[in-house]
N, C-alpha and C. Protein backbone atom coordinates (compact mmCIF):
# COMPACT_ATOMS: atom_id res chain seq x y z
N MET A 1 -8.16 9.32 19.51
CA MET A 1 -9.46 8.70 19.75
C MET A 1 -9.44 8.03 21.11
N GLU A 2 -10.55 8.14 21.82
CA GLU A 2 -10.63 7.55 23.15
C GLU A 2 -11.63 6.42 23.18
N LYS A 3 -11.26 5.36 23.91
CA LYS A 3 -12.17 4.24 24.13
C LYS A 3 -13.10 4.61 25.29
N PRO A 4 -14.22 3.89 25.45
CA PRO A 4 -15.16 4.19 26.54
C PRO A 4 -14.50 4.17 27.93
N ASN A 5 -13.48 3.34 28.15
CA ASN A 5 -12.83 3.25 29.45
C ASN A 5 -11.77 4.33 29.67
N GLY A 6 -11.65 5.27 28.72
CA GLY A 6 -10.71 6.38 28.85
C GLY A 6 -9.35 6.14 28.22
N GLU A 7 -9.08 4.90 27.80
CA GLU A 7 -7.81 4.61 27.12
C GLU A 7 -7.82 5.21 25.73
N LYS A 8 -6.64 5.54 25.26
CA LYS A 8 -6.53 6.08 23.91
C LYS A 8 -6.52 4.92 22.90
N LYS A 9 -7.39 5.01 21.91
CA LYS A 9 -7.46 3.98 20.86
C LYS A 9 -6.31 4.21 19.88
N LYS A 10 -5.66 3.12 19.51
CA LYS A 10 -4.59 3.22 18.51
C LYS A 10 -5.21 3.47 17.14
N VAL A 11 -4.59 4.38 16.40
CA VAL A 11 -5.05 4.69 15.05
C VAL A 11 -4.34 3.74 14.08
N ARG A 12 -5.14 2.98 13.35
CA ARG A 12 -4.62 1.99 12.41
C ARG A 12 -4.69 2.56 10.99
N VAL A 13 -3.53 2.56 10.32
CA VAL A 13 -3.42 3.06 8.95
C VAL A 13 -3.19 1.86 8.04
N LEU A 14 -3.89 1.85 6.92
CA LEU A 14 -3.77 0.77 5.94
C LEU A 14 -3.27 1.33 4.62
N VAL A 15 -2.31 0.64 4.01
CA VAL A 15 -1.88 0.96 2.65
C VAL A 15 -1.88 -0.33 1.85
N GLY A 16 -1.98 -0.19 0.56
CA GLY A 16 -1.89 -1.33 -0.33
C GLY A 16 -1.00 -0.98 -1.50
N GLY A 17 -0.43 -1.99 -2.11
CA GLY A 17 0.41 -1.74 -3.27
C GLY A 17 1.08 -3.00 -3.75
N VAL A 18 1.81 -2.84 -4.84
CA VAL A 18 2.54 -3.97 -5.42
C VAL A 18 3.88 -4.15 -4.70
N PHE A 19 4.63 -3.08 -4.52
CA PHE A 19 5.93 -3.11 -3.84
C PHE A 19 6.85 -4.15 -4.47
N ASP A 20 6.95 -4.13 -5.79
CA ASP A 20 7.67 -5.18 -6.51
C ASP A 20 9.18 -5.08 -6.35
N ILE A 21 9.75 -3.95 -6.68
CA ILE A 21 11.17 -3.72 -6.43
C ILE A 21 11.19 -2.56 -5.44
N LEU A 22 11.47 -2.87 -4.18
CA LEU A 22 11.44 -1.82 -3.17
C LEU A 22 12.46 -0.73 -3.50
N HIS A 23 12.02 0.51 -3.36
CA HIS A 23 12.89 1.66 -3.64
C HIS A 23 12.58 2.78 -2.68
N VAL A 24 13.33 3.85 -2.77
CA VAL A 24 13.21 4.97 -1.83
C VAL A 24 11.79 5.56 -1.82
N GLY A 25 11.12 5.56 -2.93
CA GLY A 25 9.74 6.06 -2.98
C GLY A 25 8.82 5.27 -2.07
N HIS A 26 9.00 3.93 -2.06
CA HIS A 26 8.21 3.09 -1.17
C HIS A 26 8.50 3.42 0.30
N VAL A 27 9.77 3.60 0.61
CA VAL A 27 10.15 3.89 2.00
C VAL A 27 9.54 5.22 2.45
N HIS A 28 9.62 6.24 1.59
CA HIS A 28 9.03 7.54 1.93
C HIS A 28 7.51 7.40 2.12
N PHE A 29 6.86 6.66 1.23
CA PHE A 29 5.41 6.44 1.32
C PHE A 29 5.05 5.75 2.63
N LEU A 30 5.76 4.68 2.96
CA LEU A 30 5.45 3.93 4.18
C LEU A 30 5.71 4.78 5.43
N LYS A 31 6.77 5.56 5.41
CA LYS A 31 7.08 6.43 6.55
C LYS A 31 5.98 7.48 6.73
N GLN A 32 5.58 8.12 5.63
CA GLN A 32 4.52 9.13 5.73
C GLN A 32 3.20 8.51 6.19
N ALA A 33 2.89 7.32 5.70
CA ALA A 33 1.65 6.65 6.10
C ALA A 33 1.70 6.31 7.59
N LYS A 34 2.82 5.80 8.07
CA LYS A 34 2.96 5.45 9.49
C LYS A 34 2.77 6.69 10.37
N GLU A 35 3.23 7.86 9.90
CA GLU A 35 3.11 9.09 10.67
C GLU A 35 1.66 9.54 10.85
N LEU A 36 0.74 8.97 10.07
CA LEU A 36 -0.68 9.30 10.19
C LEU A 36 -1.35 8.61 11.39
N GLY A 37 -0.69 7.60 11.95
CA GLY A 37 -1.30 6.86 13.04
C GLY A 37 -0.30 6.14 13.90
N ASP A 38 -0.77 5.09 14.56
CA ASP A 38 0.06 4.31 15.49
C ASP A 38 0.52 2.99 14.90
N GLU A 39 -0.33 2.39 14.07
CA GLU A 39 -0.04 1.09 13.46
C GLU A 39 -0.16 1.21 11.95
N LEU A 40 0.78 0.59 11.23
CA LEU A 40 0.72 0.58 9.77
C LEU A 40 0.58 -0.86 9.29
N VAL A 41 -0.50 -1.09 8.56
CA VAL A 41 -0.79 -2.40 7.99
C VAL A 41 -0.68 -2.26 6.47
N VAL A 42 -0.02 -3.24 5.85
CA VAL A 42 0.17 -3.22 4.40
C VAL A 42 -0.50 -4.44 3.78
N ILE A 43 -1.24 -4.20 2.70
CA ILE A 43 -1.74 -5.30 1.87
C ILE A 43 -0.92 -5.29 0.59
N VAL A 44 -0.21 -6.38 0.36
CA VAL A 44 0.61 -6.54 -0.83
C VAL A 44 -0.26 -7.17 -1.92
N ALA A 45 -0.16 -6.62 -3.11
CA ALA A 45 -0.96 -7.14 -4.23
C ALA A 45 -0.59 -8.59 -4.55
N HIS A 46 -1.61 -9.40 -4.74
CA HIS A 46 -1.46 -10.79 -5.17
C HIS A 46 -0.81 -10.80 -6.55
N ASP A 47 -0.07 -11.85 -6.87
CA ASP A 47 0.61 -11.94 -8.17
C ASP A 47 -0.36 -11.79 -9.34
N GLU A 48 -1.57 -12.39 -9.21
CA GLU A 48 -2.57 -12.26 -10.28
C GLU A 48 -3.03 -10.80 -10.44
N THR A 49 -3.13 -10.09 -9.35
CA THR A 49 -3.51 -8.67 -9.41
C THR A 49 -2.45 -7.87 -10.12
N VAL A 50 -1.18 -8.19 -9.86
CA VAL A 50 -0.07 -7.49 -10.54
C VAL A 50 -0.18 -7.71 -12.04
N ARG A 51 -0.42 -8.95 -12.44
CA ARG A 51 -0.55 -9.25 -13.88
C ARG A 51 -1.70 -8.45 -14.50
N LYS A 52 -2.80 -8.36 -13.77
CA LYS A 52 -3.98 -7.65 -14.27
C LYS A 52 -3.73 -6.14 -14.37
N LEU A 53 -3.16 -5.56 -13.32
CA LEU A 53 -2.98 -4.10 -13.27
C LEU A 53 -1.79 -3.60 -14.07
N LYS A 54 -0.69 -4.36 -14.02
CA LYS A 54 0.56 -3.89 -14.63
C LYS A 54 0.82 -4.52 -16.01
N HIS A 55 0.01 -5.50 -16.37
CA HIS A 55 0.16 -6.20 -17.65
C HIS A 55 1.56 -6.81 -17.79
N ARG A 56 2.06 -7.31 -16.68
CA ARG A 56 3.34 -8.01 -16.65
C ARG A 56 3.36 -8.90 -15.41
N ASN A 57 4.26 -9.87 -15.42
CA ASN A 57 4.45 -10.69 -14.23
C ASN A 57 5.19 -9.88 -13.18
N PRO A 58 4.94 -10.14 -11.91
CA PRO A 58 5.74 -9.47 -10.89
C PRO A 58 7.18 -9.96 -10.97
N ILE A 59 8.13 -9.10 -10.64
CA ILE A 59 9.54 -9.50 -10.59
C ILE A 59 9.73 -10.47 -9.43
N ASN A 60 9.11 -10.14 -8.30
CA ASN A 60 9.21 -10.95 -7.08
C ASN A 60 7.82 -11.45 -6.70
N PRO A 61 7.72 -12.71 -6.25
CA PRO A 61 6.41 -13.23 -5.85
C PRO A 61 5.90 -12.51 -4.60
N ALA A 62 4.60 -12.55 -4.41
CA ALA A 62 3.95 -11.84 -3.30
C ALA A 62 4.54 -12.22 -1.95
N GLU A 63 4.86 -13.48 -1.74
CA GLU A 63 5.42 -13.91 -0.45
C GLU A 63 6.74 -13.20 -0.18
N ASP A 64 7.58 -13.05 -1.20
CA ASP A 64 8.88 -12.36 -1.03
C ASP A 64 8.67 -10.87 -0.78
N ARG A 65 7.73 -10.28 -1.51
CA ARG A 65 7.45 -8.86 -1.31
C ARG A 65 6.93 -8.61 0.10
N ALA A 66 6.07 -9.52 0.59
CA ALA A 66 5.54 -9.39 1.95
C ALA A 66 6.66 -9.52 2.98
N GLU A 67 7.55 -10.44 2.78
CA GLU A 67 8.65 -10.64 3.72
C GLU A 67 9.56 -9.40 3.79
N LEU A 68 9.85 -8.82 2.64
CA LEU A 68 10.67 -7.59 2.62
C LEU A 68 9.96 -6.47 3.37
N LEU A 69 8.67 -6.32 3.16
CA LEU A 69 7.92 -5.26 3.84
C LEU A 69 7.89 -5.47 5.35
N ARG A 70 7.82 -6.72 5.79
CA ARG A 70 7.82 -7.00 7.23
C ARG A 70 9.13 -6.55 7.88
N ALA A 71 10.19 -6.47 7.10
CA ALA A 71 11.50 -6.07 7.63
C ALA A 71 11.65 -4.55 7.75
N ILE A 72 10.71 -3.80 7.20
CA ILE A 72 10.79 -2.33 7.27
C ILE A 72 10.22 -1.87 8.60
N ARG A 73 10.95 -1.02 9.29
CA ARG A 73 10.58 -0.64 10.66
C ARG A 73 9.24 0.07 10.79
N TYR A 74 8.78 0.70 9.74
CA TYR A 74 7.50 1.43 9.82
C TYR A 74 6.30 0.50 9.75
N VAL A 75 6.51 -0.73 9.28
CA VAL A 75 5.42 -1.66 9.00
C VAL A 75 5.16 -2.58 10.20
N ASP A 76 3.89 -2.64 10.63
CA ASP A 76 3.51 -3.49 11.76
C ASP A 76 2.93 -4.83 11.35
N GLU A 77 2.15 -4.86 10.27
CA GLU A 77 1.54 -6.10 9.79
C GLU A 77 1.51 -6.08 8.27
N VAL A 78 1.59 -7.29 7.67
CA VAL A 78 1.52 -7.40 6.22
C VAL A 78 0.61 -8.57 5.86
N TYR A 79 -0.26 -8.32 4.89
CA TYR A 79 -1.14 -9.34 4.34
C TYR A 79 -0.95 -9.38 2.84
N ILE A 80 -1.21 -10.54 2.26
CA ILE A 80 -1.22 -10.66 0.80
C ILE A 80 -2.68 -10.60 0.37
N GLY A 81 -2.98 -9.71 -0.56
CA GLY A 81 -4.35 -9.53 -1.02
C GLY A 81 -4.86 -10.70 -1.83
N SER A 82 -6.12 -10.64 -2.15
CA SER A 82 -6.75 -11.66 -2.99
C SER A 82 -6.53 -11.31 -4.45
N PRO A 83 -6.62 -12.31 -5.34
CA PRO A 83 -6.49 -12.01 -6.77
C PRO A 83 -7.62 -11.09 -7.24
N GLY A 84 -7.29 -10.16 -8.09
CA GLY A 84 -8.32 -9.38 -8.76
C GLY A 84 -8.53 -7.95 -8.35
N GLY A 85 -8.17 -7.56 -7.16
CA GLY A 85 -8.42 -6.18 -6.77
C GLY A 85 -8.60 -6.03 -5.29
N ILE A 86 -9.31 -5.00 -4.88
CA ILE A 86 -9.48 -4.73 -3.46
C ILE A 86 -10.33 -5.83 -2.81
N ASP A 87 -9.81 -6.41 -1.74
CA ASP A 87 -10.51 -7.42 -0.97
C ASP A 87 -11.18 -6.70 0.20
N PHE A 88 -12.43 -6.30 0.01
CA PHE A 88 -13.13 -5.51 1.02
C PHE A 88 -13.35 -6.30 2.31
N GLU A 89 -13.46 -7.61 2.23
CA GLU A 89 -13.60 -8.42 3.45
C GLU A 89 -12.32 -8.35 4.28
N LEU A 90 -11.16 -8.42 3.62
CA LEU A 90 -9.88 -8.30 4.32
C LEU A 90 -9.75 -6.90 4.93
N VAL A 91 -10.11 -5.88 4.18
CA VAL A 91 -10.06 -4.51 4.69
C VAL A 91 -10.96 -4.38 5.92
N LYS A 92 -12.14 -4.98 5.86
CA LYS A 92 -13.08 -4.92 6.99
C LYS A 92 -12.48 -5.60 8.22
N ARG A 93 -11.80 -6.74 8.03
CA ARG A 93 -11.16 -7.45 9.15
C ARG A 93 -10.02 -6.62 9.75
N ILE A 94 -9.26 -5.94 8.91
CA ILE A 94 -8.15 -5.10 9.38
C ILE A 94 -8.70 -3.91 10.16
N ASN A 95 -9.87 -3.42 9.74
CA ASN A 95 -10.58 -2.33 10.41
C ASN A 95 -9.73 -1.06 10.54
N PRO A 96 -9.30 -0.48 9.42
CA PRO A 96 -8.45 0.71 9.49
C PRO A 96 -9.24 1.97 9.83
N ASP A 97 -8.55 2.90 10.46
CA ASP A 97 -9.11 4.23 10.70
C ASP A 97 -8.82 5.12 9.49
N ILE A 98 -7.67 4.86 8.87
CA ILE A 98 -7.20 5.66 7.72
C ILE A 98 -6.70 4.70 6.65
N ILE A 99 -7.03 5.02 5.40
CA ILE A 99 -6.43 4.32 4.27
C ILE A 99 -5.61 5.37 3.52
N ALA A 100 -4.30 5.12 3.44
CA ALA A 100 -3.40 6.05 2.76
C ALA A 100 -3.16 5.56 1.34
N ILE A 101 -3.33 6.46 0.40
CA ILE A 101 -3.15 6.16 -1.03
C ILE A 101 -1.84 6.79 -1.48
N GLY A 102 -1.05 6.04 -2.22
CA GLY A 102 0.23 6.54 -2.71
C GLY A 102 0.03 7.62 -3.76
N PRO A 103 1.06 8.45 -3.95
CA PRO A 103 0.94 9.57 -4.88
C PRO A 103 0.70 9.15 -6.33
N ASP A 104 1.15 7.96 -6.70
CA ASP A 104 0.98 7.52 -8.09
C ASP A 104 -0.04 6.40 -8.22
N GLN A 105 -0.76 6.10 -7.14
CA GLN A 105 -1.78 5.05 -7.23
C GLN A 105 -3.03 5.62 -7.90
N ASN A 106 -3.58 4.81 -8.80
CA ASN A 106 -4.68 5.25 -9.64
C ASN A 106 -6.02 5.07 -8.94
N PHE A 107 -6.25 5.90 -7.92
CA PHE A 107 -7.53 5.87 -7.19
C PHE A 107 -8.09 7.27 -7.10
N ASN A 108 -9.40 7.37 -7.25
CA ASN A 108 -10.10 8.60 -6.93
C ASN A 108 -10.51 8.44 -5.47
N CYS A 109 -9.97 9.29 -4.60
CA CYS A 109 -10.19 9.14 -3.15
C CYS A 109 -11.67 9.19 -2.78
N GLU A 110 -12.44 10.08 -3.40
CA GLU A 110 -13.87 10.18 -3.07
C GLU A 110 -14.64 8.93 -3.50
N LYS A 111 -14.33 8.42 -4.69
CA LYS A 111 -15.01 7.20 -5.16
C LYS A 111 -14.63 6.00 -4.29
N LEU A 112 -13.35 5.95 -3.89
CA LEU A 112 -12.91 4.86 -3.01
C LEU A 112 -13.64 4.94 -1.68
N LYS A 113 -13.76 6.14 -1.14
CA LYS A 113 -14.46 6.34 0.14
C LYS A 113 -15.91 5.86 0.03
N GLU A 114 -16.58 6.17 -1.08
CA GLU A 114 -17.96 5.72 -1.30
C GLU A 114 -18.04 4.20 -1.36
N GLU A 115 -17.09 3.60 -2.07
CA GLU A 115 -17.05 2.14 -2.20
C GLU A 115 -16.82 1.48 -0.83
N LEU A 116 -15.94 2.07 -0.04
CA LEU A 116 -15.69 1.56 1.32
C LEU A 116 -16.97 1.61 2.15
N ARG A 117 -17.68 2.74 2.08
CA ARG A 117 -18.93 2.90 2.85
C ARG A 117 -19.95 1.84 2.44
N ARG A 118 -20.03 1.55 1.14
CA ARG A 118 -20.95 0.51 0.66
C ARG A 118 -20.64 -0.85 1.27
N HIS A 119 -19.37 -1.05 1.63
CA HIS A 119 -18.95 -2.31 2.25
C HIS A 119 -18.90 -2.22 3.77
N GLY A 120 -19.43 -1.13 4.32
CA GLY A 120 -19.48 -0.98 5.78
C GLY A 120 -18.16 -0.60 6.42
N ILE A 121 -17.27 0.02 5.66
CA ILE A 121 -15.95 0.42 6.17
C ILE A 121 -15.93 1.93 6.28
N ASN A 122 -15.75 2.43 7.50
CA ASN A 122 -15.80 3.87 7.73
C ASN A 122 -14.39 4.41 8.00
N ALA A 123 -13.54 4.39 7.00
CA ALA A 123 -12.17 4.86 7.14
C ALA A 123 -11.98 6.16 6.37
N GLU A 124 -11.12 6.99 6.89
CA GLU A 124 -10.74 8.21 6.18
C GLU A 124 -9.77 7.81 5.06
N VAL A 125 -9.84 8.47 3.91
CA VAL A 125 -8.94 8.18 2.79
C VAL A 125 -8.07 9.41 2.56
N ILE A 126 -6.76 9.21 2.61
CA ILE A 126 -5.81 10.31 2.47
C ILE A 126 -4.79 9.97 1.39
N ARG A 127 -4.57 10.89 0.47
CA ARG A 127 -3.54 10.71 -0.54
C ARG A 127 -2.22 11.26 0.00
N ILE A 128 -1.18 10.45 -0.07
CA ILE A 128 0.16 10.85 0.35
C ILE A 128 0.83 11.58 -0.82
N PRO A 129 1.41 12.76 -0.59
CA PRO A 129 2.06 13.49 -1.68
C PRO A 129 3.44 12.92 -2.02
N TYR A 130 3.95 13.26 -3.20
CA TYR A 130 5.31 12.88 -3.58
C TYR A 130 6.31 13.59 -2.68
N LEU A 131 7.30 12.86 -2.21
CA LEU A 131 8.39 13.45 -1.45
C LEU A 131 9.71 13.20 -2.15
N TYR A 132 9.68 12.54 -3.27
CA TYR A 132 10.89 12.08 -3.92
C TYR A 132 10.77 12.33 -5.41
N LYS A 133 11.84 12.07 -6.11
CA LYS A 133 11.83 12.29 -7.56
C LYS A 133 11.12 11.13 -8.25
N SER A 134 9.96 11.43 -8.81
CA SER A 134 9.13 10.37 -9.39
C SER A 134 9.78 9.75 -10.63
N ASP A 135 10.74 10.44 -11.24
CA ASP A 135 11.39 9.86 -12.41
C ASP A 135 12.40 8.78 -11.99
N ARG A 136 12.82 8.76 -10.74
CA ARG A 136 13.78 7.76 -10.27
C ARG A 136 13.10 6.70 -9.42
N ALA A 137 12.19 7.10 -8.56
CA ALA A 137 11.59 6.18 -7.60
C ALA A 137 10.26 5.65 -8.11
N LYS A 138 10.32 4.91 -9.17
CA LYS A 138 9.13 4.29 -9.75
C LYS A 138 9.59 2.96 -10.33
N THR A 139 8.95 1.87 -9.95
CA THR A 139 9.40 0.54 -10.34
C THR A 139 9.52 0.40 -11.85
N SER A 140 8.53 0.87 -12.61
CA SER A 140 8.58 0.71 -14.07
C SER A 140 9.80 1.42 -14.66
N LYS A 141 10.16 2.56 -14.10
CA LYS A 141 11.32 3.30 -14.60
C LYS A 141 12.63 2.63 -14.18
N ILE A 142 12.65 2.02 -13.01
CA ILE A 142 13.82 1.27 -12.58
C ILE A 142 14.03 0.07 -13.50
N ILE A 143 12.96 -0.64 -13.82
CA ILE A 143 13.05 -1.78 -14.74
C ILE A 143 13.58 -1.32 -16.09
N ARG A 144 13.04 -0.20 -16.59
CA ARG A 144 13.50 0.34 -17.87
C ARG A 144 14.99 0.67 -17.84
N ARG A 145 15.46 1.30 -16.75
CA ARG A 145 16.87 1.65 -16.63
C ARG A 145 17.75 0.40 -16.60
N ILE A 146 17.30 -0.65 -15.92
CA ILE A 146 18.05 -1.91 -15.86
C ILE A 146 18.17 -2.49 -17.26
N ILE A 147 17.06 -2.51 -17.99
CA ILE A 147 17.09 -3.06 -19.36
C ILE A 147 18.03 -2.25 -20.23
N GLU A 148 17.92 -0.92 -20.17
CA GLU A 148 18.78 -0.07 -21.01
C GLU A 148 20.25 -0.23 -20.65
N GLU A 149 20.53 -0.34 -19.40
CA GLU A 149 21.92 -0.39 -18.93
C GLU A 149 22.57 -1.75 -19.15
N PHE A 150 21.80 -2.83 -18.94
CA PHE A 150 22.42 -4.14 -18.90
C PHE A 150 21.98 -5.10 -20.00
N CYS A 151 20.99 -4.74 -20.79
CA CYS A 151 20.47 -5.70 -21.76
C CYS A 151 20.61 -5.24 -23.20
N GLU A 152 21.16 -4.11 -23.43
CA GLU A 152 21.25 -3.65 -24.84
C GLU A 152 22.67 -3.68 -25.34
């Protein structure tokens, strides 16, 4: 994309997620999302959102999850979302060109795109495919394996 003065505009990619126990699936997702543009911005789910969506408390608080994500080389900025769901005002402030959806995130890309447009956000929505073994790289399955291995 070019700016009016001829400079190339940086493409900003936005992803969101819980990122509770970081694993190889998260790293693959973040790497693929970063490859879609120049800057990768992450919105980490608020602890209340985790309770609502996952029906459990987060293992790690949002501040810790955000700090871990900031340490990943693919990530340029990290925000903690608002309680309850998508914070369209925050998304509007971030002003992404692309919103990348994880392979196991429960979103209909077309419906999300319509919802974004209703909020004045004109971003492309792209689903990232699985690159890893979903039976291993999934937080709920990692938690289950820990319980089976160490708690029974």
